[in-house]
Amino acid sequence: MTQRMQDLANEILRLQSELDSEIEKRRTQLGWHMNERMVAFENGIAAEHRRLRKTVKSFLAGAPLSVVVTSPVIYSLIVPLLLIDVWASLYQAVCFRAYRIPRVRRANYIVFDRQHLAYLNWIEALNCLYCGYANGVFAYIREIGSRTEQYWCPIKHALRIADPHQRYYEFLEYGDADGYRARPR
């Protein structure tokens, strides 16, 4: 990696830290904070959230027909998601141990917390559980894949890829044969 590339990577890290700080300020404005991995709301906020909850009847009455008709298709993805979740966990349990690749902590990617928001009715809470699980599995799989790629083939593509994983920028440049052969494993 050139010095300019390293400088840009450092600037991205600095900006991420600044963004994290702004997110924390917004959390404070919304009246909540984390207390040992548990959300704590200021007095009165949970009651206001309950007041803003839509009833299931009004929620369904306002739902477009296309949403109602397609929801079974959306929820049918749960079966392949469960299978890939289990298979990826088995994959890394076997392969990552064999290659001494640090294992991915599943709980860092699959998080269930939004269903506790008092302004969500049970359908909205179920939707949040589903989306949290689905996107968590995708992120978990991506991390497993990125560690696998880092071990076996840490080479950037010649063509630009959309949204590369966090390890990608540390990969060898396309065409760096000497670097590839010299890399430790």
Protein backbone atom coordinates (compact mmCIF):
# COMPACT_ATOMS: atom_id res chain seq x y z
CA MET A 1 0.00 0.00 0.00
CA THR A 2 1.39 3.39 -0.95
CA GLN A 3 1.75 6.18 1.60
CA ARG A 4 -1.12 8.08 -0.06
CA MET A 5 -3.35 5.03 0.21
CA GLN A 6 -2.40 4.61 3.89
CA ASP A 7 -3.14 8.29 4.52
CA LEU A 8 -6.58 7.91 2.92
CA ALA A 9 -7.28 4.77 4.98
CA ASN A 10 -6.31 6.68 8.15
CA GLU A 11 -8.62 9.53 7.14
CA ILE A 12 -11.49 7.05 6.70
CA LEU A 13 -10.84 5.73 10.21
CA ARG A 14 -10.79 9.29 11.57
CA LEU A 15 -14.08 10.07 9.82
CA GLN A 16 -15.64 6.86 11.16
CA SER A 17 -14.67 7.92 14.67
CA GLU A 18 -16.19 11.35 14.08
CA LEU A 19 -19.39 9.75 12.75
CA ASP A 20 -19.55 7.49 15.83
CA SER A 21 -19.29 10.59 18.01
CA GLU A 22 -22.15 12.29 16.15
CA ILE A 23 -24.28 9.15 16.45
CA GLU A 24 -23.67 9.16 20.21
CA LYS A 25 -24.77 12.83 20.38
CA ARG A 26 -27.97 11.94 18.53
CA ARG A 27 -28.65 9.09 20.95
CA THR A 28 -28.37 11.55 23.82
CA GLN A 29 -30.82 13.89 22.06
CA LEU A 30 -33.27 10.99 21.68
CA GLY A 31 -32.96 10.29 25.40
CA TRP A 32 -31.23 6.93 25.58
CA HIS A 33 -27.87 5.39 26.30
CA MET A 34 -26.29 1.96 26.63
CA ASN A 35 -25.85 0.49 30.10
CA GLU A 36 -23.88 -2.79 29.95
CA ARG A 37 -25.35 -3.83 26.55
CA MET A 38 -28.84 -2.79 27.68
CA VAL A 39 -30.69 0.27 26.42
CA ALA A 40 -31.79 2.74 29.07
CA PHE A 41 -34.32 5.46 28.22
CA GLU A 42 -34.72 8.66 30.18
CA ASN A 43 -37.86 9.08 32.29
CA GLY A 44 -41.06 9.44 30.30
CA ILE A 45 -39.65 8.45 26.92
CA ALA A 46 -40.90 4.86 27.00
CA ALA A 47 -44.39 6.12 27.91
CA GLU A 48 -44.28 8.51 24.94
CA HIS A 49 -43.17 5.64 22.72
CA ARG A 50 -46.15 3.52 23.87
CA ARG A 51 -48.45 6.44 23.09
CA LEU A 52 -47.08 6.52 19.52
CA ARG A 53 -47.58 2.78 18.91
CA LYS A 54 -50.04 1.99 16.13
CA THR A 55 -52.56 -0.71 16.81
CA VAL A 56 -52.25 -3.82 14.65
CA LYS A 57 -55.65 -3.02 13.16
CA SER A 58 -54.63 0.49 12.05
CA PHE A 59 -51.25 -0.80 10.88
CA LEU A 60 -52.85 -3.46 8.66
CA ALA A 61 -55.55 -1.05 7.45
CA GLY A 62 -52.84 1.33 6.24
CA ALA A 63 -50.66 -1.35 4.65
CA PRO A 64 -50.66 -1.43 0.85
CA LEU A 65 -52.09 -4.63 -0.63
CA SER A 66 -48.72 -5.37 -2.25
CA VAL A 67 -47.12 -5.53 1.22
CA VAL A 68 -49.72 -7.96 2.51
CA VAL A 69 -49.49 -10.17 -0.59
CA THR A 70 -45.68 -10.30 -0.73
CA SER A 71 -44.99 -10.80 2.98
CA PRO A 72 -45.21 -14.63 2.77
CA VAL A 73 -42.56 -14.53 0.03
CA ILE A 74 -40.34 -12.31 2.17
CA TYR A 75 -40.73 -14.52 5.23
CA SER A 76 -40.10 -17.69 3.18
CA LEU A 77 -36.44 -16.69 3.07
CA ILE A 78 -36.16 -17.70 6.74
CA VAL A 79 -35.53 -21.35 5.79
CA PRO A 80 -32.47 -20.70 3.57
CA LEU A 81 -31.25 -18.10 6.08
CA LEU A 82 -31.34 -20.64 8.91
CA LEU A 83 -29.57 -23.21 6.74
CA ILE A 84 -26.78 -20.87 5.67
CA ASP A 85 -26.41 -19.59 9.24
CA VAL A 86 -25.93 -23.15 10.55
CA TRP A 87 -23.73 -24.19 7.62
CA ALA A 88 -21.47 -21.13 7.88
CA SER A 89 -21.07 -21.72 11.61
CA LEU A 90 -20.10 -25.32 10.95
CA TYR A 91 -17.78 -24.25 8.10
CA GLN A 92 -15.80 -21.87 10.26
CA ALA A 93 -15.80 -24.24 13.23
CA VAL A 94 -14.03 -26.83 11.09
CA CYS A 95 -12.02 -24.85 8.54
CA PHE A 96 -11.01 -21.82 10.58
CA ARG A 97 -9.68 -24.06 13.34
CA ALA A 98 -7.73 -26.10 10.77
CA TYR A 99 -6.14 -22.99 9.23
CA ARG A 100 -5.85 -21.06 12.51
CA ILE A 101 -8.04 -18.26 11.21
CA PRO A 102 -9.68 -16.29 14.03
CA ARG A 103 -13.33 -17.30 14.25
CA VAL A 104 -16.11 -14.81 13.66
CA ARG A 105 -18.18 -14.10 16.75
CA ARG A 106 -21.74 -14.55 15.51
CA ALA A 107 -23.22 -12.37 18.27
CA ASN A 108 -21.36 -9.37 16.90
CA TYR A 109 -23.40 -9.58 13.70
CA ILE A 110 -26.78 -11.03 14.61
CA VAL A 111 -28.34 -8.64 17.09
CA PHE A 112 -31.90 -8.70 18.41
CA ASP A 113 -32.88 -5.47 20.14
CA ARG A 114 -35.28 -3.39 18.06
CA GLN A 115 -38.32 -5.51 18.93
CA HIS A 116 -38.16 -4.01 22.45
CA LEU A 117 -39.03 -0.53 21.19
CA ALA A 118 -42.34 0.46 22.77
CA TYR A 119 -43.57 2.30 19.66
CA LEU A 120 -43.65 -0.92 17.61
CA ASN A 121 -46.72 -3.15 17.55
CA TRP A 122 -46.15 -6.93 17.48
CA ILE A 123 -46.14 -7.12 13.66
CA GLU A 124 -43.57 -4.32 13.38
CA ALA A 125 -41.51 -5.95 16.15
CA LEU A 126 -41.63 -9.28 14.31
CA ASN A 127 -40.54 -7.52 11.12
CA CYS A 128 -37.61 -5.99 13.02
CA LEU A 129 -36.64 -9.40 14.39
CA TYR A 130 -36.71 -10.85 10.89
CA CYS A 131 -34.73 -8.03 9.26
CA GLY A 132 -32.23 -7.95 12.11
CA TYR A 133 -31.69 -11.68 11.73
CA ALA A 134 -31.52 -11.66 7.93
CA ASN A 135 -29.11 -8.74 7.67
CA GLY A 136 -27.12 -10.07 10.61
CA VAL A 137 -26.70 -13.41 8.85
CA PHE A 138 -25.61 -11.62 5.67
CA ALA A 139 -23.03 -9.60 7.63
CA TYR A 140 -21.85 -12.72 9.49
CA ILE A 141 -21.44 -14.60 6.21
CA ARG A 142 -19.63 -11.65 4.67
CA GLU A 143 -17.15 -11.56 7.54
CA ILE A 144 -16.56 -15.32 7.29
CA GLY A 145 -16.07 -14.91 3.54
CA SER A 146 -13.68 -11.99 3.95
CA ARG A 147 -11.51 -13.91 6.40
CA THR A 148 -11.51 -16.89 4.05
CA GLU A 149 -10.53 -14.65 1.13
CA GLN A 150 -7.83 -12.98 3.22
CA TYR A 151 -6.32 -16.37 3.96
CA TRP A 152 -6.52 -17.93 0.50
CA CYS A 153 -6.55 -15.12 -2.05
CA PRO A 154 -5.83 -11.64 -0.65
CA ILE A 155 -5.65 -10.00 -4.09
CA LYS A 156 -7.68 -6.99 -5.18
CA HIS A 157 -9.73 -7.32 -8.33
CA ALA A 158 -8.71 -5.53 -11.52
CA LEU A 159 -12.28 -4.26 -11.87
CA ARG A 160 -13.83 -2.01 -9.25
CA ILE A 161 -16.23 -3.84 -6.94
CA ALA A 162 -19.12 -2.23 -5.13
CA ASP A 163 -18.83 -2.03 -1.33
CA PRO A 164 -15.73 -4.14 -0.65
CA HIS A 165 -15.34 -5.64 2.83
CA GLN A 166 -13.07 -4.01 5.41
CA ARG A 167 -10.06 -6.25 4.74
CA TYR A 168 -10.08 -5.66 1.00
CA TYR A 169 -7.96 -2.50 1.06
CA GLU A 170 -5.12 -4.40 2.76
CA PHE A 171 -5.07 -7.00 -0.03
CA LEU A 172 -2.28 -7.16 -2.59
CA GLU A 173 -2.65 -5.19 -5.75
CA TYR A 174 -3.84 -7.02 -8.82
CA GLY A 175 -0.74 -8.21 -10.67
CA ASP A 176 1.62 -8.13 -7.64
CA ALA A 177 3.02 -11.63 -8.21
CA ASP A 178 6.10 -11.04 -6.02
CA GLY A 179 3.92 -9.87 -3.13
CA TYR A 180 1.62 -12.86 -3.51
CA ARG A 181 4.49 -15.37 -3.41
CA ALA A 182 6.21 -13.56 -0.54
CA ARG A 183 3.12 -13.32 1.70
CA PRO A 184 3.21 -15.28 4.94
CA ARG A 185 0.54 -17.84 5.57
